[in-house]
Amino acid sequence: MENRLAEIRKKKKIGQAYLVEKLGVSRQTISAIENGRCTPSLELALDLADLLEIPVNEIFIRKRDDNHNDKKSS
């Protein structure tokens, strides 16, 4: 899953420290999400969207190949 968290956060002039304080997570967690090293829980993704006042699907973008439910034709 790709994300635009860093881009959106910087555009809104919000520091990582603000997200850490408001969401109760570590700076390492925010950094790992922004750098694609981890995917947030659904709850954290929704909390980020609420805090940034932007729909969650504008922050987190699922790539087509991330869909493991694709049906293969015979």
Protein backbone atom coordinates (compact mmCIF):
# COMPACT_ATOMS: atom_id res chain seq x y z
CA MET A 1 0.00 0.00 0.00
CA GLU A 2 1.31 3.41 -0.92
CA ASN A 3 0.63 6.50 1.15
CA ARG A 4 0.81 10.25 0.85
CA LEU A 5 1.07 10.92 4.59
CA ALA A 6 4.35 12.86 4.51
CA GLU A 7 3.26 14.89 1.48
CA ILE A 8 -0.10 15.80 3.04
CA ARG A 9 1.42 16.49 6.46
CA LYS A 10 4.03 18.84 4.98
CA LYS A 11 1.45 20.58 2.79
CA LYS A 12 -0.63 21.27 5.88
CA LYS A 13 2.53 22.40 7.74
CA ILE A 14 2.10 19.73 10.42
CA GLY A 15 5.15 18.20 12.07
CA GLN A 16 5.57 14.59 13.02
CA ALA A 17 5.66 15.69 16.67
CA TYR A 18 2.08 16.97 16.38
CA LEU A 19 0.86 13.60 15.05
CA VAL A 20 2.77 11.80 17.80
CA GLU A 21 1.18 13.98 20.49
CA LYS A 22 -2.37 13.81 19.14
CA LEU A 23 -2.36 10.11 18.21
CA GLY A 24 -0.34 8.71 21.10
CA VAL A 25 2.13 6.85 18.87
CA SER A 26 5.90 7.10 18.57
CA ARG A 27 7.78 9.23 16.07
CA GLN A 28 9.26 5.99 14.77
CA THR A 29 5.74 4.74 13.97
CA ILE A 30 4.90 7.87 11.98
CA SER A 31 8.24 7.70 10.18
CA ALA A 32 7.78 4.00 9.36
CA ILE A 33 4.32 4.66 7.93
CA GLU A 34 5.54 7.63 5.87
CA ASN A 35 8.45 5.59 4.49
CA GLY A 36 6.30 2.57 3.67
CA ARG A 37 8.03 0.31 6.17
CA CYS A 38 4.75 -0.47 7.92
CA THR A 39 1.04 -0.19 7.30
CA PRO A 40 -1.04 1.38 10.06
CA SER A 41 -3.92 -0.40 11.71
CA LEU A 42 -7.35 0.54 10.40
CA GLU A 43 -7.99 2.50 13.60
CA LEU A 44 -4.76 4.50 13.24
CA ALA A 45 -5.41 5.13 9.53
CA LEU A 46 -8.88 6.49 10.35
CA ASP A 47 -7.48 8.60 13.21
CA LEU A 48 -4.87 10.08 10.87
CA ALA A 49 -7.57 10.90 8.32
CA ASP A 50 -9.71 12.57 10.97
CA LEU A 51 -6.78 14.57 12.33
CA LEU A 52 -5.69 15.70 8.86
CA GLU A 53 -9.32 16.33 7.83
CA ILE A 54 -8.95 14.32 4.63
CA PRO A 55 -10.55 11.06 3.47
CA VAL A 56 -8.50 7.99 4.36
CA ASN A 57 -8.42 6.88 0.72
CA GLU A 58 -6.62 10.10 -0.19
CA ILE A 59 -3.82 9.27 2.26
CA PHE A 60 -3.53 5.53 1.71
CA ILE A 61 -3.67 4.13 -1.82
CA ARG A 62 -3.99 0.42 -2.43
CA LYS A 63 -2.06 -0.77 -5.45
CA ARG A 64 -3.90 -3.12 -7.80
CA ASP A 65 -1.47 -5.95 -7.01
CA ASP A 66 -2.21 -5.55 -3.28
CA ASN A 67 -5.61 -7.17 -3.88
CA HIS A 68 -5.04 -10.81 -2.95
CA ASN A 69 -8.60 -11.73 -3.86
CA ASP A 70 -8.12 -11.48 -7.62
CA LYS A 71 -9.67 -14.45 -9.37
CA LYS A 72 -7.46 -16.20 -11.87
CA SER A 73 -9.05 -17.37 -15.07
CA SER A 74 -8.42 -20.92 -16.27
